[in-house]
ModelCIF file with pLDDT and N, C-alpha, C, O atoms, coordinates in Angstrom:
data_MODEL
#
_entry.id   MODEL 
#
_entity.id                         1 
_entity.type                       polymer 
_entity.pdbx_number_of_molecules   1 
#
_entity_poly.entity_id                      1 
_entity_poly.type                           'polypeptide(L)' 
_entity_poly.nstd_linkage                   no 
_entity_poly.nstd_monomer                   no 
_entity_poly.pdbx_seq_one_letter_code       ASRDRKVLMWDLHGSSQPSQRFSGHAMAVTGVAVSPDSA 
_entity_poly.pdbx_seq_one_letter_code_can   ASRDRKVLMWDLHGSSQPSQRFSGHAMAVTGVAVSPDSA 
_entity_poly.pdbx_strand_id                 A 
#
loop_
_entity_poly_seq.entity_id 
_entity_poly_seq.num 
_entity_poly_seq.mon_id 
_entity_poly_seq.hetero 
1 1  ALA n 
1 2  SER n 
1 3  ARG n 
1 4  ASP n 
1 5  ARG n 
1 6  LYS n 
1 7  VAL n 
1 8  LEU n 
1 9  MET n 
1 10 TRP n 
1 11 ASP n 
1 12 LEU n 
1 13 HIS n 
1 14 GLY n 
1 15 SER n 
1 16 SER n 
1 17 GLN n 
1 18 PRO n 
1 19 SER n 
1 20 GLN n 
1 21 ARG n 
1 22 PHE n 
1 23 SER n 
1 24 GLY n 
1 25 HIS n 
1 26 ALA n 
1 27 MET n 
1 28 ALA n 
1 29 VAL n 
1 30 THR n 
1 31 GLY n 
1 32 VAL n 
1 33 ALA n 
1 34 VAL n 
1 35 SER n 
1 36 PRO n 
1 37 ASP n 
1 38 SER n 
1 39 ALA n 
#
_struct_asym.id          A 
_struct_asym.entity_id   1 
#
loop_
_ma_qa_metric.id 
_ma_qa_metric.mode 
_ma_qa_metric.name 
_ma_qa_metric.software_group_id 
_ma_qa_metric.type 
1 global pLDDT . pLDDT 
2 local  pLDDT . pLDDT 
#
_ma_qa_metric_global.metric_id      1 
_ma_qa_metric_global.metric_value   95.51 
_ma_qa_metric_global.model_id       1 
_ma_qa_metric_global.ordinal_id     1 
#
loop_
_ma_qa_metric_local.label_asym_id 
_ma_qa_metric_local.label_comp_id 
_ma_qa_metric_local.label_seq_id 
_ma_qa_metric_local.metric_id 
_ma_qa_metric_local.metric_value 
_ma_qa_metric_local.model_id 
_ma_qa_metric_local.ordinal_id 
A ALA 1  2 98.00 1 1  
A SER 2  2 97.00 1 2  
A ARG 3  2 97.00 1 3  
A ASP 4  2 97.00 1 4  
A ARG 5  2 97.00 1 5  
A LYS 6  2 97.00 1 6  
A VAL 7  2 98.00 1 7  
A LEU 8  2 98.00 1 8  
A MET 9  2 97.00 1 9  
A TRP 10 2 97.00 1 10 
A ASP 11 2 95.00 1 11 
A LEU 12 2 94.00 1 12 
A HIS 13 2 93.00 1 13 
A GLY 14 2 92.00 1 14 
A SER 15 2 91.00 1 15 
A SER 16 2 90.00 1 16 
A GLN 17 2 94.00 1 17 
A PRO 18 2 95.00 1 18 
A SER 19 2 95.00 1 19 
A GLN 20 2 96.00 1 20 
A ARG 21 2 97.00 1 21 
A PHE 22 2 98.00 1 22 
A SER 23 2 96.00 1 23 
A GLY 24 2 95.00 1 24 
A HIS 25 2 97.00 1 25 
A ALA 26 2 97.00 1 26 
A MET 27 2 97.00 1 27 
A ALA 28 2 97.00 1 28 
A VAL 29 2 97.00 1 29 
A THR 30 2 97.00 1 30 
A GLY 31 2 97.00 1 31 
A VAL 32 2 98.00 1 32 
A ALA 33 2 97.00 1 33 
A VAL 34 2 96.00 1 34 
A SER 35 2 94.00 1 35 
A PRO 36 2 90.00 1 36 
A ASP 37 2 91.00 1 37 
A SER 38 2 92.00 1 38 
A ALA 39 2 94.00 1 39 
#
loop_
_atom_site.group_PDB 
_atom_site.id 
_atom_site.type_symbol 
_atom_site.label_atom_id 
_atom_site.label_alt_id 
_atom_site.label_comp_id 
_atom_site.label_asym_id 
_atom_site.label_entity_id 
_atom_site.label_seq_id 
_atom_site.pdbx_PDB_ins_code 
_atom_site.Cartn_x 
_atom_site.Cartn_y 
_atom_site.Cartn_z 
_atom_site.occupancy 
_atom_site.B_iso_or_equiv 
_atom_site.pdbx_formal_charge 
_atom_site.auth_seq_id 
_atom_site.auth_comp_id 
_atom_site.auth_asym_id 
_atom_site.auth_atom_id 
_atom_site.pdbx_PDB_model_num 
ATOM 1   N N  . ALA A 1 1  ? 113.698 95.555  86.771 1.00 98.00 ? 1  ALA A N  1 
ATOM 2   C CA . ALA A 1 1  ? 114.561 96.066  87.837 1.00 98.00 ? 1  ALA A CA 1 
ATOM 3   C C  . ALA A 1 1  ? 115.594 95.502  87.993 1.00 98.00 ? 1  ALA A C  1 
ATOM 4   O O  . ALA A 1 1  ? 115.455 94.294  87.804 1.00 98.00 ? 1  ALA A O  1 
ATOM 5   N N  . SER A 1 2  ? 116.923 95.883  88.338 1.00 97.00 ? 2  SER A N  1 
ATOM 6   C CA . SER A 1 2  ? 117.979 95.134  88.310 1.00 97.00 ? 2  SER A CA 1 
ATOM 7   C C  . SER A 1 2  ? 118.786 95.433  89.234 1.00 97.00 ? 2  SER A C  1 
ATOM 8   O O  . SER A 1 2  ? 118.738 96.539  89.773 1.00 97.00 ? 2  SER A O  1 
ATOM 9   N N  . ARG A 1 3  ? 119.940 94.212  89.682 1.00 97.00 ? 3  ARG A N  1 
ATOM 10  C CA . ARG A 1 3  ? 121.150 94.874  90.395 1.00 97.00 ? 3  ARG A CA 1 
ATOM 11  C C  . ARG A 1 3  ? 121.985 96.175  90.011 1.00 97.00 ? 3  ARG A C  1 
ATOM 12  O O  . ARG A 1 3  ? 122.654 96.783  90.847 1.00 97.00 ? 3  ARG A O  1 
ATOM 13  N N  . ASP A 1 4  ? 121.895 96.522  88.773 1.00 97.00 ? 4  ASP A N  1 
ATOM 14  C CA . ASP A 1 4  ? 122.478 97.531  88.195 1.00 97.00 ? 4  ASP A CA 1 
ATOM 15  C C  . ASP A 1 4  ? 121.920 99.126  88.859 1.00 97.00 ? 4  ASP A C  1 
ATOM 16  O O  . ASP A 1 4  ? 122.482 100.189 88.597 1.00 97.00 ? 4  ASP A O  1 
ATOM 17  N N  . ARG A 1 5  ? 120.645 98.977  89.801 1.00 97.00 ? 5  ARG A N  1 
ATOM 18  C CA . ARG A 1 5  ? 120.415 99.862  90.540 1.00 97.00 ? 5  ARG A CA 1 
ATOM 19  C C  . ARG A 1 5  ? 119.412 100.694 89.700 1.00 97.00 ? 5  ARG A C  1 
ATOM 20  O O  . ARG A 1 5  ? 119.035 101.785 90.127 1.00 97.00 ? 5  ARG A O  1 
ATOM 21  N N  . LYS A 1 6  ? 119.010 100.249 88.621 1.00 97.00 ? 6  LYS A N  1 
ATOM 22  C CA . LYS A 1 6  ? 118.021 101.042 87.559 1.00 97.00 ? 6  LYS A CA 1 
ATOM 23  C C  . LYS A 1 6  ? 116.817 100.159 87.417 1.00 97.00 ? 6  LYS A C  1 
ATOM 24  O O  . LYS A 1 6  ? 116.659 98.982  87.742 1.00 97.00 ? 6  LYS A O  1 
ATOM 25  N N  . VAL A 1 7  ? 116.090 100.934 86.907 1.00 98.00 ? 7  VAL A N  1 
ATOM 26  C CA . VAL A 1 7  ? 114.643 100.349 86.545 1.00 98.00 ? 7  VAL A CA 1 
ATOM 27  C C  . VAL A 1 7  ? 114.481 100.813 85.024 1.00 98.00 ? 7  VAL A C  1 
ATOM 28  O O  . VAL A 1 7  ? 114.672 101.992 84.724 1.00 98.00 ? 7  VAL A O  1 
ATOM 29  N N  . LEU A 1 8  ? 114.218 100.108 84.323 1.00 98.00 ? 8  LEU A N  1 
ATOM 30  C CA . LEU A 1 8  ? 113.446 100.130 82.668 1.00 98.00 ? 8  LEU A CA 1 
ATOM 31  C C  . LEU A 1 8  ? 112.363 99.896  82.298 1.00 98.00 ? 8  LEU A C  1 
ATOM 32  O O  . LEU A 1 8  ? 111.878 98.801  82.583 1.00 98.00 ? 8  LEU A O  1 
ATOM 33  N N  . MET A 1 9  ? 111.785 100.633 81.709 1.00 97.00 ? 9  MET A N  1 
ATOM 34  C CA . MET A 1 9  ? 110.264 100.589 81.133 1.00 97.00 ? 9  MET A CA 1 
ATOM 35  C C  . MET A 1 9  ? 110.432 100.085 79.478 1.00 97.00 ? 9  MET A C  1 
ATOM 36  O O  . MET A 1 9  ? 111.277 100.562 78.721 1.00 97.00 ? 9  MET A O  1 
ATOM 37  N N  . TRP A 1 10 ? 109.710 99.309  79.200 1.00 97.00 ? 10 TRP A N  1 
ATOM 38  C CA . TRP A 1 10 ? 109.725 98.697  77.923 1.00 97.00 ? 10 TRP A CA 1 
ATOM 39  C C  . TRP A 1 10 ? 108.048 98.803  77.412 1.00 97.00 ? 10 TRP A C  1 
ATOM 40  O O  . TRP A 1 10 ? 107.042 98.879  78.118 1.00 97.00 ? 10 TRP A O  1 
ATOM 41  N N  . ASP A 1 11 ? 108.197 98.771  75.670 1.00 95.00 ? 11 ASP A N  1 
ATOM 42  C CA . ASP A 1 11 ? 106.985 98.446  75.166 1.00 95.00 ? 11 ASP A CA 1 
ATOM 43  C C  . ASP A 1 11 ? 107.344 97.201  74.329 1.00 95.00 ? 11 ASP A C  1 
ATOM 44  O O  . ASP A 1 11 ? 108.425 96.827  73.873 1.00 95.00 ? 11 ASP A O  1 
ATOM 45  N N  . LEU A 1 12 ? 106.160 96.699  74.272 1.00 94.00 ? 12 LEU A N  1 
ATOM 46  C CA . LEU A 1 12 ? 106.346 95.088  73.709 1.00 94.00 ? 12 LEU A CA 1 
ATOM 47  C C  . LEU A 1 12 ? 106.505 95.522  72.166 1.00 94.00 ? 12 LEU A C  1 
ATOM 48  O O  . LEU A 1 12 ? 107.226 94.882  71.400 1.00 94.00 ? 12 LEU A O  1 
ATOM 49  N N  . HIS A 1 13 ? 105.789 96.641  71.776 1.00 93.00 ? 13 HIS A N  1 
ATOM 50  C CA . HIS A 1 13 ? 105.769 96.514  70.215 1.00 93.00 ? 13 HIS A CA 1 
ATOM 51  C C  . HIS A 1 13 ? 106.826 97.969  70.135 1.00 93.00 ? 13 HIS A C  1 
ATOM 52  O O  . HIS A 1 13 ? 106.889 98.322  68.957 1.00 93.00 ? 13 HIS A O  1 
ATOM 53  N N  . GLY A 1 14 ? 107.501 98.717  70.880 1.00 92.00 ? 14 GLY A N  1 
ATOM 54  C CA . GLY A 1 14 ? 108.156 99.554  70.795 1.00 92.00 ? 14 GLY A CA 1 
ATOM 55  C C  . GLY A 1 14 ? 109.480 99.348  70.503 1.00 92.00 ? 14 GLY A C  1 
ATOM 56  O O  . GLY A 1 14 ? 109.814 98.209  70.174 1.00 92.00 ? 14 GLY A O  1 
ATOM 57  N N  . SER A 1 15 ? 110.483 100.411 70.569 1.00 91.00 ? 15 SER A N  1 
ATOM 58  C CA . SER A 1 15 ? 111.859 100.263 70.175 1.00 91.00 ? 15 SER A CA 1 
ATOM 59  C C  . SER A 1 15 ? 112.419 99.290  70.993 1.00 91.00 ? 15 SER A C  1 
ATOM 60  O O  . SER A 1 15 ? 111.944 99.050  72.103 1.00 91.00 ? 15 SER A O  1 
ATOM 61  N N  . SER A 1 16 ? 113.637 98.556  70.429 1.00 90.00 ? 16 SER A N  1 
ATOM 62  C CA . SER A 1 16 ? 114.458 97.607  71.441 1.00 90.00 ? 16 SER A CA 1 
ATOM 63  C C  . SER A 1 16 ? 115.211 98.186  72.476 1.00 90.00 ? 16 SER A C  1 
ATOM 64  O O  . SER A 1 16 ? 115.946 97.538  73.222 1.00 90.00 ? 16 SER A O  1 
ATOM 65  N N  . GLN A 1 17 ? 114.979 99.799  72.544 1.00 94.00 ? 17 GLN A N  1 
ATOM 66  C CA . GLN A 1 17 ? 115.351 100.541 73.669 1.00 94.00 ? 17 GLN A CA 1 
ATOM 67  C C  . GLN A 1 17 ? 114.510 101.071 74.477 1.00 94.00 ? 17 GLN A C  1 
ATOM 68  O O  . GLN A 1 17 ? 113.492 101.602 74.034 1.00 94.00 ? 17 GLN A O  1 
ATOM 69  N N  . PRO A 1 18 ? 114.815 101.019 75.980 1.00 95.00 ? 18 PRO A N  1 
ATOM 70  C CA . PRO A 1 18 ? 113.824 101.422 77.093 1.00 95.00 ? 18 PRO A CA 1 
ATOM 71  C C  . PRO A 1 18 ? 113.250 102.816 76.579 1.00 95.00 ? 18 PRO A C  1 
ATOM 72  O O  . PRO A 1 18 ? 113.843 103.817 76.176 1.00 95.00 ? 18 PRO A O  1 
ATOM 73  N N  . SER A 1 19 ? 111.754 102.514 76.746 1.00 95.00 ? 19 SER A N  1 
ATOM 74  C CA . SER A 1 19 ? 111.034 104.007 76.586 1.00 95.00 ? 19 SER A CA 1 
ATOM 75  C C  . SER A 1 19 ? 111.303 104.998 77.951 1.00 95.00 ? 19 SER A C  1 
ATOM 76  O O  . SER A 1 19 ? 111.105 106.213 77.944 1.00 95.00 ? 19 SER A O  1 
ATOM 77  N N  . GLN A 1 20 ? 111.677 104.408 78.838 1.00 96.00 ? 20 GLN A N  1 
ATOM 78  C CA . GLN A 1 20 ? 111.858 105.114 79.906 1.00 96.00 ? 20 GLN A CA 1 
ATOM 79  C C  . GLN A 1 20 ? 113.126 104.735 80.827 1.00 96.00 ? 20 GLN A C  1 
ATOM 80  O O  . GLN A 1 20 ? 113.516 103.567 80.830 1.00 96.00 ? 20 GLN A O  1 
ATOM 81  N N  . ARG A 1 21 ? 113.753 105.686 81.585 1.00 97.00 ? 21 ARG A N  1 
ATOM 82  C CA . ARG A 1 21 ? 114.780 104.865 82.532 1.00 97.00 ? 21 ARG A CA 1 
ATOM 83  C C  . ARG A 1 21 ? 114.284 105.708 83.959 1.00 97.00 ? 21 ARG A C  1 
ATOM 84  O O  . ARG A 1 21 ? 113.692 106.785 84.031 1.00 97.00 ? 21 ARG A O  1 
ATOM 85  N N  . PHE A 1 22 ? 114.686 104.934 84.894 1.00 98.00 ? 22 PHE A N  1 
ATOM 86  C CA . PHE A 1 22 ? 114.478 105.342 86.242 1.00 98.00 ? 22 PHE A CA 1 
ATOM 87  C C  . PHE A 1 22 ? 115.699 105.006 87.238 1.00 98.00 ? 22 PHE A C  1 
ATOM 88  O O  . PHE A 1 22 ? 115.701 103.975 87.910 1.00 98.00 ? 22 PHE A O  1 
ATOM 89  N N  . SER A 1 23 ? 116.595 105.828 87.275 1.00 96.00 ? 23 SER A N  1 
ATOM 90  C CA . SER A 1 23 ? 117.551 105.942 88.176 1.00 96.00 ? 23 SER A CA 1 
ATOM 91  C C  . SER A 1 23 ? 117.887 106.653 89.303 1.00 96.00 ? 23 SER A C  1 
ATOM 92  O O  . SER A 1 23 ? 118.150 107.851 89.204 1.00 96.00 ? 23 SER A O  1 
ATOM 93  N N  . GLY A 1 24 ? 117.920 105.979 90.551 1.00 95.00 ? 24 GLY A N  1 
ATOM 94  C CA . GLY A 1 24 ? 118.216 106.775 91.763 1.00 95.00 ? 24 GLY A CA 1 
ATOM 95  C C  . GLY A 1 24 ? 118.447 106.253 92.891 1.00 95.00 ? 24 GLY A C  1 
ATOM 96  O O  . GLY A 1 24 ? 118.589 106.985 93.870 1.00 95.00 ? 24 GLY A O  1 
ATOM 97  N N  . HIS A 1 25 ? 118.528 104.979 92.991 1.00 97.00 ? 25 HIS A N  1 
ATOM 98  C CA . HIS A 1 25 ? 118.866 104.148 93.984 1.00 97.00 ? 25 HIS A CA 1 
ATOM 99  C C  . HIS A 1 25 ? 120.327 104.015 94.346 1.00 97.00 ? 25 HIS A C  1 
ATOM 100 O O  . HIS A 1 25 ? 121.008 104.466 93.424 1.00 97.00 ? 25 HIS A O  1 
ATOM 101 N N  . ALA A 1 26 ? 120.964 103.623 95.216 1.00 97.00 ? 26 ALA A N  1 
ATOM 102 C CA . ALA A 1 26 ? 122.290 103.562 95.769 1.00 97.00 ? 26 ALA A CA 1 
ATOM 103 C C  . ALA A 1 26 ? 122.633 102.064 95.619 1.00 97.00 ? 26 ALA A C  1 
ATOM 104 O O  . ALA A 1 26 ? 123.780 101.693 95.372 1.00 97.00 ? 26 ALA A O  1 
ATOM 105 N N  . MET A 1 27 ? 121.722 101.325 95.759 1.00 97.00 ? 27 MET A N  1 
ATOM 106 C CA . MET A 1 27 ? 122.063 99.599  95.733 1.00 97.00 ? 27 MET A CA 1 
ATOM 107 C C  . MET A 1 27 ? 120.943 99.163  94.726 1.00 97.00 ? 27 MET A C  1 
ATOM 108 O O  . MET A 1 27 ? 120.124 99.934  94.223 1.00 97.00 ? 27 MET A O  1 
ATOM 109 N N  . ALA A 1 28 ? 121.028 97.817  94.506 1.00 97.00 ? 28 ALA A N  1 
ATOM 110 C CA . ALA A 1 28 ? 120.359 97.035  93.882 1.00 97.00 ? 28 ALA A CA 1 
ATOM 111 C C  . ALA A 1 28 ? 118.572 97.239  94.023 1.00 97.00 ? 28 ALA A C  1 
ATOM 112 O O  . ALA A 1 28 ? 118.107 97.227  95.163 1.00 97.00 ? 28 ALA A O  1 
ATOM 113 N N  . VAL A 1 29 ? 117.840 97.381  93.102 1.00 97.00 ? 29 VAL A N  1 
ATOM 114 C CA . VAL A 1 29 ? 116.265 97.532  93.030 1.00 97.00 ? 29 VAL A CA 1 
ATOM 115 C C  . VAL A 1 29 ? 115.730 96.337  93.227 1.00 97.00 ? 29 VAL A C  1 
ATOM 116 O O  . VAL A 1 29 ? 115.786 95.411  92.418 1.00 97.00 ? 29 VAL A O  1 
ATOM 117 N N  . THR A 1 30 ? 115.213 96.310  94.265 1.00 97.00 ? 30 THR A N  1 
ATOM 118 C CA . THR A 1 30 ? 114.548 94.877  94.929 1.00 97.00 ? 30 THR A CA 1 
ATOM 119 C C  . THR A 1 30 ? 112.891 94.851  94.956 1.00 97.00 ? 30 THR A C  1 
ATOM 120 O O  . THR A 1 30 ? 112.150 93.899  95.202 1.00 97.00 ? 30 THR A O  1 
ATOM 121 N N  . GLY A 1 31 ? 112.624 95.973  94.681 1.00 97.00 ? 31 GLY A N  1 
ATOM 122 C CA . GLY A 1 31 ? 110.965 96.184  94.885 1.00 97.00 ? 31 GLY A CA 1 
ATOM 123 C C  . GLY A 1 31 ? 110.793 97.023  93.629 1.00 97.00 ? 31 GLY A C  1 
ATOM 124 O O  . GLY A 1 31 ? 111.611 97.842  93.210 1.00 97.00 ? 31 GLY A O  1 
ATOM 125 N N  . VAL A 1 32 ? 109.156 96.588  92.865 1.00 98.00 ? 32 VAL A N  1 
ATOM 126 C CA . VAL A 1 32 ? 108.898 97.789  91.870 1.00 98.00 ? 32 VAL A CA 1 
ATOM 127 C C  . VAL A 1 32 ? 107.361 97.447  91.538 1.00 98.00 ? 32 VAL A C  1 
ATOM 128 O O  . VAL A 1 32 ? 107.131 96.344  91.042 1.00 98.00 ? 32 VAL A O  1 
ATOM 129 N N  . ALA A 1 33 ? 106.633 98.053  91.706 1.00 97.00 ? 33 ALA A N  1 
ATOM 130 C CA . ALA A 1 33 ? 105.059 98.285  91.539 1.00 97.00 ? 33 ALA A CA 1 
ATOM 131 C C  . ALA A 1 33 ? 104.256 99.547  90.504 1.00 97.00 ? 33 ALA A C  1 
ATOM 132 O O  . ALA A 1 33 ? 104.535 100.739 90.629 1.00 97.00 ? 33 ALA A O  1 
ATOM 133 N N  . VAL A 1 34 ? 103.658 99.243  89.912 1.00 96.00 ? 34 VAL A N  1 
ATOM 134 C CA . VAL A 1 34 ? 103.173 100.509 89.206 1.00 96.00 ? 34 VAL A CA 1 
ATOM 135 C C  . VAL A 1 34 ? 101.784 100.441 89.503 1.00 96.00 ? 34 VAL A C  1 
ATOM 136 O O  . VAL A 1 34 ? 101.147 99.426  89.785 1.00 96.00 ? 34 VAL A O  1 
ATOM 137 N N  . SER A 1 35 ? 101.194 102.116 89.377 1.00 94.00 ? 35 SER A N  1 
ATOM 138 C CA . SER A 1 35 ? 99.816  102.200 90.114 1.00 94.00 ? 35 SER A CA 1 
ATOM 139 C C  . SER A 1 35 ? 98.759  101.618 89.034 1.00 94.00 ? 35 SER A C  1 
ATOM 140 O O  . SER A 1 35 ? 98.980  101.083 87.948 1.00 94.00 ? 35 SER A O  1 
ATOM 141 N N  . PRO A 1 36 ? 97.642  101.874 89.632 1.00 90.00 ? 36 PRO A N  1 
ATOM 142 C CA . PRO A 1 36 ? 96.536  101.073 88.794 1.00 90.00 ? 36 PRO A CA 1 
ATOM 143 C C  . PRO A 1 36 ? 96.178  101.885 87.333 1.00 90.00 ? 36 PRO A C  1 
ATOM 144 O O  . PRO A 1 36 ? 95.674  101.407 86.317 1.00 90.00 ? 36 PRO A O  1 
ATOM 145 N N  . ASP A 1 37 ? 96.624  103.302 87.599 1.00 91.00 ? 37 ASP A N  1 
ATOM 146 C CA . ASP A 1 37 ? 96.259  104.166 86.457 1.00 91.00 ? 37 ASP A CA 1 
ATOM 147 C C  . ASP A 1 37 ? 97.815  104.114 85.381 1.00 91.00 ? 37 ASP A C  1 
ATOM 148 O O  . ASP A 1 37 ? 97.917  104.489 84.213 1.00 91.00 ? 37 ASP A O  1 
ATOM 149 N N  . SER A 1 38 ? 98.561  103.695 86.011 1.00 92.00 ? 38 SER A N  1 
ATOM 150 C CA . SER A 1 38 ? 100.065 103.381 85.415 1.00 92.00 ? 38 SER A CA 1 
ATOM 151 C C  . SER A 1 38 ? 100.596 104.850 85.287 1.00 92.00 ? 38 SER A C  1 
ATOM 152 O O  . SER A 1 38 ? 101.377 105.089 84.366 1.00 92.00 ? 38 SER A O  1 
ATOM 153 N N  . ALA A 1 39 ? 100.331 105.571 85.906 1.00 94.00 ? 39 ALA A N  1 
ATOM 154 C CA . ALA A 1 39 ? 100.927 106.879 85.940 1.00 94.00 ? 39 ALA A CA 1 
ATOM 155 C C  . ALA A 1 39 ? 102.115 106.930 86.694 1.00 94.00 ? 39 ALA A C  1 
ATOM 156 O O  . ALA A 1 39 ? 102.730 107.990 86.806 1.00 94.00 ? 39 ALA A O  1 
#
């Protein structure tokens, strides 16, 4: 998560680009949590 208001998803062995982008906040993202099943 970043002050650019976005959350990016990465794969250690994947592409150098984010595998998913989450954009919807109007200000800096200051909290992020993933569910136990990763869904």
